[in-house]
């Protein structure tokens, strides 16, 4: 698709249907559930990139899966658990696409 100014403005004007449901179980322990709500059903590809930085360096993990998102329902995409030591940082990046018009991204960093 051509990235015309119009389509960029259109995307910017829409609320992001991807968000993160965060629970801090303990001071260093987080349960993160990426959520999505779409108005139309989507046979989507989900990509989750997780980058964890610590004193030992940075590790990156990628998960990809095919997922069907029903219309009009809050849908959990994954259940992620992190235990952070002092000084650790985690960046979670989620991308959801149907390979055509629908493409959504969001990211979250911990600790917030």
C-alpha atoms as a PDB file:
ATOM      1  CA  UNK A   1       0.000   0.000   0.000  1.00  0.00           C
ATOM      2  CA  UNK A   2       1.167   3.512  -0.828  1.00  0.00           C
ATOM      3  CA  UNK A   3       1.818   5.543   2.285  1.00  0.00           C
ATOM      4  CA  UNK A   4      -0.144   8.603   1.305  1.00  0.00           C
ATOM      5  CA  UNK A   5      -0.452  11.407   3.818  1.00  0.00           C
ATOM      6  CA  UNK A   6      -4.145  10.704   4.013  1.00  0.00           C
ATOM      7  CA  UNK A   7      -3.809   7.127   5.248  1.00  0.00           C
ATOM      8  CA  UNK A   8      -1.188   8.190   7.795  1.00  0.00           C
ATOM      9  CA  UNK A   9      -3.519  10.820   9.210  1.00  0.00           C
ATOM     10  CA  UNK A  10      -6.335   8.310   9.287  1.00  0.00           C
ATOM     11  CA  UNK A  11      -4.280   5.841  11.313  1.00  0.00           C
ATOM     12  CA  UNK A  12      -3.126   8.542  13.706  1.00  0.00           C
ATOM     13  CA  UNK A  13      -6.694   9.647  14.336  1.00  0.00           C
ATOM     14  CA  UNK A  14      -7.855   6.173  15.354  1.00  0.00           C
ATOM     15  CA  UNK A  15      -7.440   5.005  18.906  1.00  0.00           C
ATOM     16  CA  UNK A  16      -4.942   2.174  19.161  1.00  0.00           C
ATOM     17  CA  UNK A  17      -6.908  -1.070  19.616  1.00  0.00           C
ATOM     18  CA  UNK A  18      -3.864  -2.706  21.221  1.00  0.00           C
ATOM     19  CA  UNK A  19      -3.156  -2.184  24.897  1.00  0.00           C
ATOM     20  CA  UNK A  20      -1.466  -3.895  27.825  1.00  0.00           C
ATOM     21  CA  UNK A  21      -3.167  -5.225  30.909  1.00  0.00           C
ATOM     22  CA  UNK A  22      -0.495  -4.998  33.631  1.00  0.00           C
ATOM     23  CA  UNK A  23      -0.406  -6.637  36.996  1.00  0.00           C
ATOM     24  CA  UNK A  24       2.475  -6.227  39.379  1.00  0.00           C
ATOM     25  CA  UNK A  25       2.378  -9.430  41.405  1.00  0.00           C
ATOM     26  CA  UNK A  26       5.351  -8.547  43.569  1.00  0.00           C
ATOM     27  CA  UNK A  27       7.809  -5.637  43.467  1.00  0.00           C
ATOM     28  CA  UNK A  28       9.930  -7.455  40.867  1.00  0.00           C
ATOM     29  CA  UNK A  29       7.316  -9.686  39.266  1.00  0.00           C
ATOM     30  CA  UNK A  30       4.978  -8.616  36.461  1.00  0.00           C
ATOM     31  CA  UNK A  31       2.172 -10.340  34.580  1.00  0.00           C
ATOM     32  CA  UNK A  32       1.552  -8.600  31.260  1.00  0.00           C
ATOM     33  CA  UNK A  33      -1.366  -9.461  28.985  1.00  0.00           C
ATOM     34  CA  UNK A  34      -1.385  -7.734  25.600  1.00  0.00           C
ATOM     35  CA  UNK A  35      -5.026  -7.143  24.626  1.00  0.00           C
ATOM     36  CA  UNK A  36      -6.781  -6.157  21.422  1.00  0.00           C
ATOM     37  CA  UNK A  37     -10.275  -5.116  20.459  1.00  0.00           C
ATOM     38  CA  UNK A  38     -11.150  -4.946  16.773  1.00  0.00           C
ATOM     39  CA  UNK A  39     -14.408  -3.927  15.146  1.00  0.00           C
ATOM     40  CA  UNK A  40     -14.031  -6.535  12.414  1.00  0.00           C
ATOM     41  CA  UNK A  41     -12.922 -10.148  12.614  1.00  0.00           C
ATOM     42  CA  UNK A  42      -9.283 -10.584  11.720  1.00  0.00           C
ATOM     43  CA  UNK A  43      -7.222 -13.599  10.668  1.00  0.00           C
ATOM     44  CA  UNK A  44      -4.040 -12.008  11.869  1.00  0.00           C
ATOM     45  CA  UNK A  45      -0.374 -12.677  12.358  1.00  0.00           C
ATOM     46  CA  UNK A  46       0.861 -11.775  15.799  1.00  0.00           C
ATOM     47  CA  UNK A  47       4.478 -10.915  16.467  1.00  0.00           C
ATOM     48  CA  UNK A  48       5.826 -10.318  19.946  1.00  0.00           C
ATOM     49  CA  UNK A  49       9.360  -9.016  20.371  1.00  0.00           C
ATOM     50  CA  UNK A  50      10.759  -8.937  23.872  1.00  0.00           C
ATOM     51  CA  UNK A  51      14.043  -7.245  24.627  1.00  0.00           C
ATOM     52  CA  UNK A  52      15.442  -7.679  28.117  1.00  0.00           C
ATOM     53  CA  UNK A  53      18.432  -5.643  29.257  1.00  0.00           C
ATOM     54  CA  UNK A  54      20.473  -6.456  32.336  1.00  0.00           C
ATOM     55  CA  UNK A  55      24.047  -6.121  33.515  1.00  0.00           C
ATOM     56  CA  UNK A  56      24.846  -9.268  31.527  1.00  0.00           C
ATOM     57  CA  UNK A  57      23.703  -7.633  28.289  1.00  0.00           C
ATOM     58  CA  UNK A  58      20.558  -7.697  26.190  1.00  0.00           C
ATOM     59  CA  UNK A  59      18.573 -10.750  25.123  1.00  0.00           C
ATOM     60  CA  UNK A  60      15.879 -10.568  22.458  1.00  0.00           C
ATOM     61  CA  UNK A  61      13.163 -13.149  21.964  1.00  0.00           C
ATOM     62  CA  UNK A  62      10.605 -13.251  19.175  1.00  0.00           C
ATOM     63  CA  UNK A  63       7.334 -15.116  19.070  1.00  0.00           C
ATOM     64  CA  UNK A  64       5.140 -15.346  15.993  1.00  0.00           C
ATOM     65  CA  UNK A  65       1.775 -16.994  15.663  1.00  0.00           C
ATOM     66  CA  UNK A  66      -1.391 -16.965  13.611  1.00  0.00           C
ATOM     67  CA  UNK A  67      -4.450 -15.855  15.541  1.00  0.00           C
ATOM     68  CA  UNK A  68      -8.084 -15.191  14.776  1.00  0.00           C
ATOM     69  CA  UNK A  69      -9.467 -12.104  16.512  1.00  0.00           C
ATOM     70  CA  UNK A  70     -13.262 -12.084  16.891  1.00  0.00           C
ATOM     71  CA  UNK A  71     -15.078  -8.806  16.280  1.00  0.00           C
ATOM     72  CA  UNK A  72     -16.032  -6.513  19.115  1.00  0.00           C
ATOM     73  CA  UNK A  73     -14.441  -8.507  21.938  1.00  0.00           C
ATOM     74  CA  UNK A  74     -11.525  -7.755  24.236  1.00  0.00           C
ATOM     75  CA  UNK A  75      -9.129 -10.534  23.246  1.00  0.00           C
ATOM     76  CA  UNK A  76      -5.948 -11.479  25.127  1.00  0.00           C
ATOM     77  CA  UNK A  77      -3.031 -12.120  22.786  1.00  0.00           C
ATOM     78  CA  UNK A  78      -0.522 -13.640  25.195  1.00  0.00           C
ATOM     79  CA  UNK A  79       0.305 -14.092  28.845  1.00  0.00           C
ATOM     80  CA  UNK A  80       3.756 -12.785  29.621  1.00  0.00           C
ATOM     81  CA  UNK A  81       5.576 -13.091  32.946  1.00  0.00           C
ATOM     82  CA  UNK A  82       8.689 -11.208  33.915  1.00  0.00           C
ATOM     83  CA  UNK A  83      10.891 -11.262  36.963  1.00  0.00           C
ATOM     84  CA  UNK A  84      13.097  -8.206  37.024  1.00  0.00           C
ATOM     85  CA  UNK A  85      16.215  -7.841  39.102  1.00  0.00           C
ATOM     86  CA  UNK A  86      17.472  -4.429  40.155  1.00  0.00           C
ATOM     87  CA  UNK A  87      18.499  -2.507  37.036  1.00  0.00           C
ATOM     88  CA  UNK A  88      16.760  -4.833  34.568  1.00  0.00           C
ATOM     89  CA  UNK A  89      14.659  -3.318  31.814  1.00  0.00           C
ATOM     90  CA  UNK A  90      12.188  -5.020  29.488  1.00  0.00           C
ATOM     91  CA  UNK A  91      10.739  -3.685  26.250  1.00  0.00           C
ATOM     92  CA  UNK A  92       7.735  -5.511  24.814  1.00  0.00           C
ATOM     93  CA  UNK A  93       6.715  -4.750  21.253  1.00  0.00           C
ATOM     94  CA  UNK A  94       3.522  -6.175  19.756  1.00  0.00           C
ATOM     95  CA  UNK A  95       2.601  -6.124  16.074  1.00  0.00           C
ATOM     96  CA  UNK A  96      -0.669  -7.452  14.711  1.00  0.00           C
ATOM     97  CA  UNK A  97      -1.387  -7.537  10.983  1.00  0.00           C
ATOM     98  CA  UNK A  98      -3.749  -9.187   8.537  1.00  0.00           C
ATOM     99  CA  UNK A  99      -1.173  -8.687   5.784  1.00  0.00           C
ATOM    100  CA  UNK A 100      -3.386  -6.144   4.058  1.00  0.00           C
ATOM    101  CA  UNK A 101      -5.026  -3.067   5.526  1.00  0.00           C
ATOM    102  CA  UNK A 102      -5.034  -3.821   9.215  1.00  0.00           C
ATOM    103  CA  UNK A 103      -1.752  -3.269  10.989  1.00  0.00           C
ATOM    104  CA  UNK A 104      -1.454  -2.323  14.649  1.00  0.00           C
ATOM    105  CA  UNK A 105       1.526  -1.910  16.906  1.00  0.00           C
ATOM    106  CA  UNK A 106       2.134  -0.986  20.489  1.00  0.00           C
ATOM    107  CA  UNK A 107       4.952  -1.273  22.997  1.00  0.00           C
ATOM    108  CA  UNK A 108       5.467  -1.242  26.715  1.00  0.00           C
ATOM    109  CA  UNK A 109       8.586  -0.869  28.808  1.00  0.00           C
ATOM    110  CA  UNK A 110       9.145  -2.145  32.326  1.00  0.00           C
ATOM    111  CA  UNK A 111       9.636  -0.989  34.947  1.00  0.00           C
ATOM    112  CA  UNK A 112       7.270   1.858  34.108  1.00  0.00           C
END
